[in-house]
PDB file of all heavy atoms in Angstrom:
ATOM      1  N   ARG A   1      34.648  42.429  33.889  1.00  0.00           N
ATOM      2  CA  ARG A   1      33.824  41.889  32.825  1.00  0.00           C
ATOM      3  C   ARG A   1      33.143  40.577  33.219  1.00  0.00           C
ATOM      4  O   ARG A   1      31.986  40.333  32.878  1.00  0.00           O
ATOM      5  CB  ARG A   1      34.676  41.682  31.589  1.00  0.00           C
ATOM      6  CG  ARG A   1      33.909  41.223  30.403  1.00  0.00           C
ATOM      7  CD  ARG A   1      34.771  41.098  29.183  1.00  0.00           C
ATOM      8  NE  ARG A   1      33.945  40.689  28.076  1.00  0.00           N
ATOM      9  CZ  ARG A   1      34.354  40.608  26.854  1.00  0.00           C
ATOM     10  NH1 ARG A   1      35.583  40.918  26.565  1.00  0.00           N
ATOM     11  NH2 ARG A   1      33.542  40.216  25.907  1.00  0.00           N
ATOM     12  N   VAL A   2      33.859  39.730  33.949  1.00  0.00           N
ATOM     13  CA  VAL A   2      33.300  38.431  34.355  1.00  0.00           C
ATOM     14  C   VAL A   2      32.069  38.624  35.238  1.00  0.00           C
ATOM     15  O   VAL A   2      31.103  37.855  35.142  1.00  0.00           O
ATOM     16  CB  VAL A   2      34.384  37.554  35.034  1.00  0.00           C
ATOM     17  CG1 VAL A   2      34.821  38.132  36.367  1.00  0.00           C
ATOM     18  CG2 VAL A   2      33.889  36.131  35.193  1.00  0.00           C
ATOM     19  N   ASN A   3      32.060  39.644  36.063  1.00  0.00           N
ATOM     20  CA  ASN A   3      30.902  39.891  36.938  1.00  0.00           C
ATOM     21  C   ASN A   3      29.726  40.437  36.136  1.00  0.00           C
ATOM     22  O   ASN A   3      28.579  40.090  36.419  1.00  0.00           O
ATOM     23  CB  ASN A   3      31.283  40.854  38.060  1.00  0.00           C
ATOM     24  CG  ASN A   3      32.242  40.228  39.046  1.00  0.00           C
ATOM     25  OD1 ASN A   3      32.390  39.011  39.101  1.00  0.00           O
ATOM     26  ND2 ASN A   3      32.933  41.052  39.813  1.00  0.00           N
ATOM     27  N   ARG A   4      29.991  41.297  35.155  1.00  0.00           N
ATOM     28  CA  ARG A   4      28.900  41.798  34.301  1.00  0.00           C
ATOM     29  C   ARG A   4      28.291  40.654  33.497  1.00  0.00           C
ATOM     30  O   ARG A   4      27.076  40.587  33.317  1.00  0.00           O
ATOM     31  CB  ARG A   4      29.406  42.905  33.388  1.00  0.00           C
ATOM     32  CG  ARG A   4      29.718  44.197  34.097  1.00  0.00           C
ATOM     33  CD  ARG A   4      29.934  45.345  33.138  1.00  0.00           C
ATOM     34  NE  ARG A   4      30.892  45.060  32.096  1.00  0.00           N
ATOM     35  CZ  ARG A   4      32.206  45.359  32.124  1.00  0.00           C
ATOM     36  NH1 ARG A   4      32.704  45.938  33.183  1.00  0.00           N
ATOM     37  NH2 ARG A   4      32.981  45.072  31.109  1.00  0.00           N
ATOM     38  N   ALA A   5      29.129  39.739  33.025  1.00  0.00           N
ATOM     39  CA  ALA A   5      28.627  38.576  32.285  1.00  0.00           C
ATOM     40  C   ALA A   5      27.784  37.686  33.210  1.00  0.00           C
ATOM     41  O   ALA A   5      26.766  37.148  32.790  1.00  0.00           O
ATOM     42  CB  ALA A   5      29.777  37.779  31.685  1.00  0.00           C
ATOM     43  N   ALA A   6      28.227  37.555  34.448  1.00  0.00           N
ATOM     44  CA  ALA A   6      27.460  36.757  35.421  1.00  0.00           C
ATOM     45  C   ALA A   6      26.099  37.393  35.679  1.00  0.00           C
ATOM     46  O   ALA A   6      25.096  36.688  35.783  1.00  0.00           O
ATOM     47  CB  ALA A   6      28.247  36.616  36.725  1.00  0.00           C
ATOM     48  N   VAL A   7      26.064  38.715  35.780  1.00  0.00           N
ATOM     49  CA  VAL A   7      24.787  39.427  35.973  1.00  0.00           C
ATOM     50  C   VAL A   7      23.860  39.126  34.812  1.00  0.00           C
ATOM     51  O   VAL A   7      22.674  38.828  35.000  1.00  0.00           O
ATOM     52  CB  VAL A   7      25.006  40.944  36.147  1.00  0.00           C
ATOM     53  CG1 VAL A   7      23.684  41.696  36.034  1.00  0.00           C
ATOM     54  CG2 VAL A   7      25.677  41.257  37.462  1.00  0.00           C
ATOM     55  N   LEU A   8      24.382  39.177  33.593  1.00  0.00           N
ATOM     56  CA  LEU A   8      23.555  38.911  32.409  1.00  0.00           C
ATOM     57  C   LEU A   8      23.029  37.475  32.420  1.00  0.00           C
ATOM     58  O   LEU A   8      21.838  37.239  32.196  1.00  0.00           O
ATOM     59  CB  LEU A   8      24.352  39.193  31.136  1.00  0.00           C
ATOM     60  CG  LEU A   8      23.593  39.023  29.840  1.00  0.00           C
ATOM     61  CD1 LEU A   8      22.431  40.003  29.774  1.00  0.00           C
ATOM     62  CD2 LEU A   8      24.519  39.216  28.666  1.00  0.00           C
ATOM     63  N   ARG A   9      23.909  36.517  32.696  1.00  0.00           N
ATOM     64  CA  ARG A   9      23.473  35.107  32.719  1.00  0.00           C
ATOM     65  C   ARG A   9      22.446  34.844  33.819  1.00  0.00           C
ATOM     66  O   ARG A   9      21.437  34.169  33.593  1.00  0.00           O
ATOM     67  CB  ARG A   9      24.676  34.193  32.877  1.00  0.00           C
ATOM     68  CG  ARG A   9      25.530  34.078  31.623  1.00  0.00           C
ATOM     69  CD  ARG A   9      26.531  32.936  31.715  1.00  0.00           C
ATOM     70  NE  ARG A   9      27.391  33.006  32.885  1.00  0.00           N
ATOM     71  CZ  ARG A   9      28.540  33.668  32.960  1.00  0.00           C
ATOM     72  NH1 ARG A   9      28.965  34.345  31.916  1.00  0.00           N
ATOM     73  NH2 ARG A   9      29.263  33.649  34.071  1.00  0.00           N
ATOM     74  N   VAL A  10      22.711  35.366  35.002  1.00  0.00           N
ATOM     75  CA  VAL A  10      21.769  35.168  36.116  1.00  0.00           C
ATOM     76  C   VAL A  10      20.437  35.851  35.801  1.00  0.00           C
ATOM     77  O   VAL A  10      19.364  35.298  36.074  1.00  0.00           O
ATOM     78  CB  VAL A  10      22.377  35.691  37.435  1.00  0.00           C
ATOM     79  CG1 VAL A  10      21.343  35.734  38.544  1.00  0.00           C
ATOM     80  CG2 VAL A  10      23.559  34.832  37.849  1.00  0.00           C
ATOM     81  N   SER A  11      20.485  37.044  35.207  1.00  0.00           N
ATOM     82  CA  SER A  11      19.251  37.758  34.860  1.00  0.00           C
ATOM     83  C   SER A  11      18.412  36.969  33.879  1.00  0.00           C
ATOM     84  O   SER A  11      17.193  36.853  34.043  1.00  0.00           O
ATOM     85  CB  SER A  11      19.575  39.130  34.268  1.00  0.00           C
ATOM     86  OG  SER A  11      20.180  39.939  35.220  1.00  0.00           O
ATOM     87  N   ILE A  12      19.051  36.436  32.867  1.00  0.00           N
ATOM     88  CA  ILE A  12      18.311  35.663  31.861  1.00  0.00           C
ATOM     89  C   ILE A  12      17.693  34.416  32.491  1.00  0.00           C
ATOM     90  O   ILE A  12      16.514  34.115  32.288  1.00  0.00           O
ATOM     91  CB  ILE A  12      19.227  35.294  30.666  1.00  0.00           C
ATOM     92  CG1 ILE A  12      19.563  36.556  29.874  1.00  0.00           C
ATOM     93  CG2 ILE A  12      18.575  34.247  29.779  1.00  0.00           C
ATOM     94  CD1 ILE A  12      20.654  36.367  28.836  1.00  0.00           C
ATOM     95  N   ALA A  13      18.492  33.711  33.287  1.00  0.00           N
ATOM     96  CA  ALA A  13      17.975  32.487  33.925  1.00  0.00           C
ATOM     97  C   ALA A  13      16.850  32.805  34.906  1.00  0.00           C
ATOM     98  O   ALA A  13      15.839  32.096  34.943  1.00  0.00           O
ATOM     99  CB  ALA A  13      19.109  31.761  34.642  1.00  0.00           C
ATOM    100  N   CYS A  14      17.018  33.879  35.661  1.00  0.00           N
ATOM    101  CA  CYS A  14      16.016  34.228  36.687  1.00  0.00           C
ATOM    102  C   CYS A  14      14.802  34.938  36.087  1.00  0.00           C
ATOM    103  O   CYS A  14      13.847  35.216  36.810  1.00  0.00           O
ATOM    104  CB  CYS A  14      16.653  35.101  37.772  1.00  0.00           C
ATOM    105  SG  CYS A  14      17.819  34.188  38.774  1.00  0.00           S
ATOM    106  N   LEU A  15      14.836  35.229  34.825  1.00  0.00           N
ATOM    107  CA  LEU A  15      13.670  35.751  34.136  1.00  0.00           C
ATOM    108  C   LEU A  15      12.973  34.637  33.375  1.00  0.00           C
ATOM    109  O   LEU A  15      11.738  34.519  33.432  1.00  0.00           O
ATOM    110  CB  LEU A  15      14.088  36.874  33.178  1.00  0.00           C
ATOM    111  CG  LEU A  15      13.003  37.723  32.600  1.00  0.00           C
ATOM    112  CD1 LEU A  15      12.316  38.524  33.692  1.00  0.00           C
ATOM    113  CD2 LEU A  15      13.568  38.666  31.567  1.00  0.00           C
ATOM    114  N   ALA A  16      13.753  33.786  32.701  1.00  0.00           N
ATOM    115  CA  ALA A  16      13.173  32.747  31.847  1.00  0.00           C
ATOM    116  C   ALA A  16      12.508  31.626  32.655  1.00  0.00           C
ATOM    117  O   ALA A  16      11.397  31.206  32.327  1.00  0.00           O
ATOM    118  CB  ALA A  16      14.251  32.161  30.942  1.00  0.00           C
ATOM    119  N   LEU A  17      13.164  31.167  33.710  1.00  0.00           N
ATOM    120  CA  LEU A  17      12.604  30.052  34.476  1.00  0.00           C
ATOM    121  C   LEU A  17      11.289  30.415  35.169  1.00  0.00           C
ATOM    122  O   LEU A  17      10.294  29.694  35.009  1.00  0.00           O
ATOM    123  CB  LEU A  17      13.643  29.533  35.486  1.00  0.00           C
ATOM    124  CG  LEU A  17      13.217  28.299  36.269  1.00  0.00           C
ATOM    125  CD1 LEU A  17      12.980  27.120  35.341  1.00  0.00           C
ATOM    126  CD2 LEU A  17      14.265  27.949  37.311  1.00  0.00           C
ATOM    127  N   PRO A  18      11.214  31.540  35.911  1.00  0.00           N
ATOM    128  CA  PRO A  18       9.914  31.891  36.501  1.00  0.00           C
ATOM    129  C   PRO A  18       8.853  32.200  35.442  1.00  0.00           C
ATOM    130  O   PRO A  18       7.673  31.891  35.648  1.00  0.00           O
ATOM    131  CB  PRO A  18      10.211  33.133  37.338  1.00  0.00           C
ATOM    132  CG  PRO A  18      11.668  33.110  37.575  1.00  0.00           C
ATOM    133  CD  PRO A  18      12.273  32.430  36.396  1.00  0.00           C
ATOM    134  N   PHE A  19       9.268  32.775  34.310  1.00  0.00           N
ATOM    135  CA  PHE A  19       8.298  33.067  33.245  1.00  0.00           C
ATOM    136  C   PHE A  19       7.701  31.762  32.725  1.00  0.00           C
ATOM    137  O   PHE A  19       6.483  31.649  32.567  1.00  0.00           O
ATOM    138  CB  PHE A  19       8.949  33.862  32.107  1.00  0.00           C
ATOM    139  CG  PHE A  19       7.972  34.391  31.119  1.00  0.00           C
ATOM    140  CD1 PHE A  19       7.378  35.621  31.313  1.00  0.00           C
ATOM    141  CD2 PHE A  19       7.619  33.664  29.995  1.00  0.00           C
ATOM    142  CE1 PHE A  19       6.449  36.121  30.413  1.00  0.00           C
ATOM    143  CE2 PHE A  19       6.696  34.146  29.082  1.00  0.00           C
ATOM    144  CZ  PHE A  19       6.117  35.374  29.293  1.00  0.00           C
ATOM    145  N   ALA A  20       8.562  30.771  32.463  1.00  0.00           N
ATOM    146  CA  ALA A  20       8.069  29.480  31.951  1.00  0.00           C
ATOM    147  C   ALA A  20       7.159  28.805  32.979  1.00  0.00           C
ATOM    148  O   ALA A  20       6.076  28.310  32.622  1.00  0.00           O
ATOM    149  CB  ALA A  20       9.256  28.587  31.601  1.00  0.00           C
ATOM    150  N   CYS A  21       7.573  28.783  34.233  1.00  0.00           N
ATOM    151  CA  CYS A  21       6.749  28.168  35.288  1.00  0.00           C
ATOM    152  C   CYS A  21       5.415  28.906  35.448  1.00  0.00           C
ATOM    153  O   CYS A  21       4.364  28.274  35.581  1.00  0.00           O
ATOM    154  CB  CYS A  21       7.498  28.157  36.605  1.00  0.00           C
ATOM    155  SG  CYS A  21       8.926  27.049  36.618  1.00  0.00           S
ATOM    156  N   GLY A  22       5.471  30.234  35.410  1.00  0.00           N
ATOM    157  CA  GLY A  22       4.254  31.024  35.523  1.00  0.00           C
ATOM    158  C   GLY A  22       3.320  30.830  34.340  1.00  0.00           C
ATOM    159  O   GLY A  22       2.099  30.800  34.492  1.00  0.00           O
ATOM    160  N   PHE A  23       3.895  30.680  33.152  1.00  0.00           N
ATOM    161  CA  PHE A  23       3.083  30.454  31.959  1.00  0.00           C
ATOM    162  C   PHE A  23       2.354  29.119  32.057  1.00  0.00           C
ATOM    163  O   PHE A  23       1.151  29.024  31.782  1.00  0.00           O
ATOM    164  CB  PHE A  23       3.954  30.507  30.699  1.00  0.00           C
ATOM    165  CG  PHE A  23       3.169  30.539  29.433  1.00  0.00           C
ATOM    166  CD1 PHE A  23       2.600  31.720  28.985  1.00  0.00           C
ATOM    167  CD2 PHE A  23       2.990  29.397  28.673  1.00  0.00           C
ATOM    168  CE1 PHE A  23       1.857  31.762  27.815  1.00  0.00           C
ATOM    169  CE2 PHE A  23       2.259  29.421  27.508  1.00  0.00           C
ATOM    170  CZ  PHE A  23       1.693  30.612  27.075  1.00  0.00           C
ATOM    171  N   ILE A  24       3.069  28.097  32.476  1.00  0.00           N
ATOM    172  CA  ILE A  24       2.453  26.768  32.635  1.00  0.00           C
ATOM    173  C   ILE A  24       1.361  26.820  33.709  1.00  0.00           C
ATOM    174  O   ILE A  24       0.260  26.300  33.513  1.00  0.00           O
ATOM    175  CB  ILE A  24       3.520  25.715  32.974  1.00  0.00           C
ATOM    176  CG1 ILE A  24       4.432  25.504  31.763  1.00  0.00           C
ATOM    177  CG2 ILE A  24       2.889  24.406  33.413  1.00  0.00           C
ATOM    178  CD1 ILE A  24       5.699  24.730  32.058  1.00  0.00           C
ATOM    179  N   LEU A  25       1.661  27.464  34.841  1.00  0.00           N
ATOM    180  CA  LEU A  25       0.653  27.584  35.908  1.00  0.00           C
ATOM    181  C   LEU A  25      -0.558  28.383  35.421  1.00  0.00           C
ATOM    182  O   LEU A  25      -1.702  28.017  35.699  1.00  0.00           O
ATOM    183  CB  LEU A  25       1.262  28.240  37.145  1.00  0.00           C
ATOM    184  CG  LEU A  25       0.302  28.438  38.307  1.00  0.00           C
ATOM    185  CD1 LEU A  25      -0.136  27.100  38.883  1.00  0.00           C
ATOM    186  CD2 LEU A  25       0.938  29.297  39.377  1.00  0.00           C
ATOM    187  N   GLY A  26      -0.313  29.469  34.674  1.00  0.00           N
ATOM    188  CA  GLY A  26      -1.411  30.281  34.154  1.00  0.00           C
ATOM    189  C   GLY A  26      -2.299  29.506  33.198  1.00  0.00           C
ATOM    190  O   GLY A  26      -3.526  29.654  33.219  1.00  0.00           O
TER     191      GLY A  26
END
């Protein structure tokens, strides 16, 4: 379970941060 939770947290962070940076750059 701890690894599945890590996947979810990493996925959210690795989706939100590039999205925010890309939005600002756009």
